[in-house]
């Protein structure tokens, strides 16, 4: 699961921008080698997982 350097983030409302950005190289590499890439988010409060997923999607679109 996508989390900070210390592992999955549980119970926090949103991931910090830097936490998302540090995953970009790994996710970009995996997406190039896979037909489909799914990234689970463990930020389950309210709509935090959806908002974090939208943020990483925007970051990945800008990185390509």
Protein backbone atom coordinates (compact mmCIF):
# COMPACT_ATOMS: atom_id res chain seq x y z
CA UNK A 1 0.00 0.00 0.00
CA UNK A 2 1.06 3.48 -0.70
CA UNK A 3 2.50 5.03 2.42
CA UNK A 4 5.45 6.96 3.72
CA UNK A 5 8.93 5.62 4.33
CA UNK A 6 7.78 4.07 7.57
CA UNK A 7 5.15 1.95 5.82
CA UNK A 8 1.43 2.22 5.21
CA UNK A 9 -0.33 5.25 6.57
CA UNK A 10 -3.44 4.34 8.50
CA UNK A 11 -6.07 6.63 9.95
CA UNK A 12 -4.62 9.92 8.70
CA UNK A 13 -6.93 11.99 6.57
CA UNK A 14 -4.64 12.76 3.60
CA UNK A 15 -1.16 11.91 2.40
CA UNK A 16 1.23 14.85 2.21
CA UNK A 17 2.26 15.98 -1.27
CA UNK A 18 5.82 14.85 -0.68
CA UNK A 19 4.63 11.38 0.25
CA UNK A 20 2.83 11.12 -3.07
CA UNK A 21 5.69 12.62 -5.07
CA UNK A 22 8.26 10.18 -3.68
CA UNK A 23 6.26 7.32 -5.21
CA UNK A 24 6.26 8.80 -8.75
CA UNK A 25 9.47 7.11 -10.02
CA UNK A 26 8.38 3.68 -8.78
CA UNK A 27 4.82 3.99 -10.06
CA UNK A 28 5.98 5.35 -13.42
CA UNK A 29 8.38 2.43 -13.84
CA UNK A 30 5.73 -0.12 -12.87
CA UNK A 31 3.13 1.44 -15.17
CA UNK A 32 5.50 1.17 -18.14
CA UNK A 33 5.91 -2.55 -17.52
CA UNK A 34 2.27 -3.36 -16.74
CA UNK A 35 -0.88 -3.38 -18.79
CA UNK A 36 -2.78 -1.97 -15.82
CA UNK A 37 -1.53 -0.57 -12.52
CA UNK A 38 -3.65 -0.43 -9.38
CA UNK A 39 -2.49 1.46 -6.32
CA UNK A 40 -4.43 0.89 -3.08
CA UNK A 41 -4.62 3.74 -0.61
CA UNK A 42 -5.03 3.13 3.12
CA UNK A 43 -6.35 6.61 3.87
CA UNK A 44 -9.89 5.52 4.49
CA UNK A 45 -11.36 8.48 6.37
CA UNK A 46 -14.11 10.28 4.46
CA UNK A 47 -13.05 10.62 0.81
CA UNK A 48 -9.30 10.86 1.52
CA UNK A 49 -8.39 7.74 -0.52
CA UNK A 50 -10.30 9.05 -3.54
CA UNK A 51 -8.73 12.51 -3.27
CA UNK A 52 -5.23 11.02 -2.84
CA UNK A 53 -5.83 8.77 -5.87
CA UNK A 54 -6.90 11.79 -7.92
CA UNK A 55 -3.76 13.64 -6.78
CA UNK A 56 -1.41 10.81 -7.76
CA UNK A 57 -3.23 10.47 -11.10
CA UNK A 58 -2.57 14.17 -11.82
CA UNK A 59 1.08 13.82 -10.74
CA UNK A 60 1.57 10.77 -12.98
CA UNK A 61 -0.05 12.55 -15.94
CA UNK A 62 2.37 15.45 -15.47
CA UNK A 63 5.37 13.12 -15.21
CA UNK A 64 4.76 11.41 -18.56
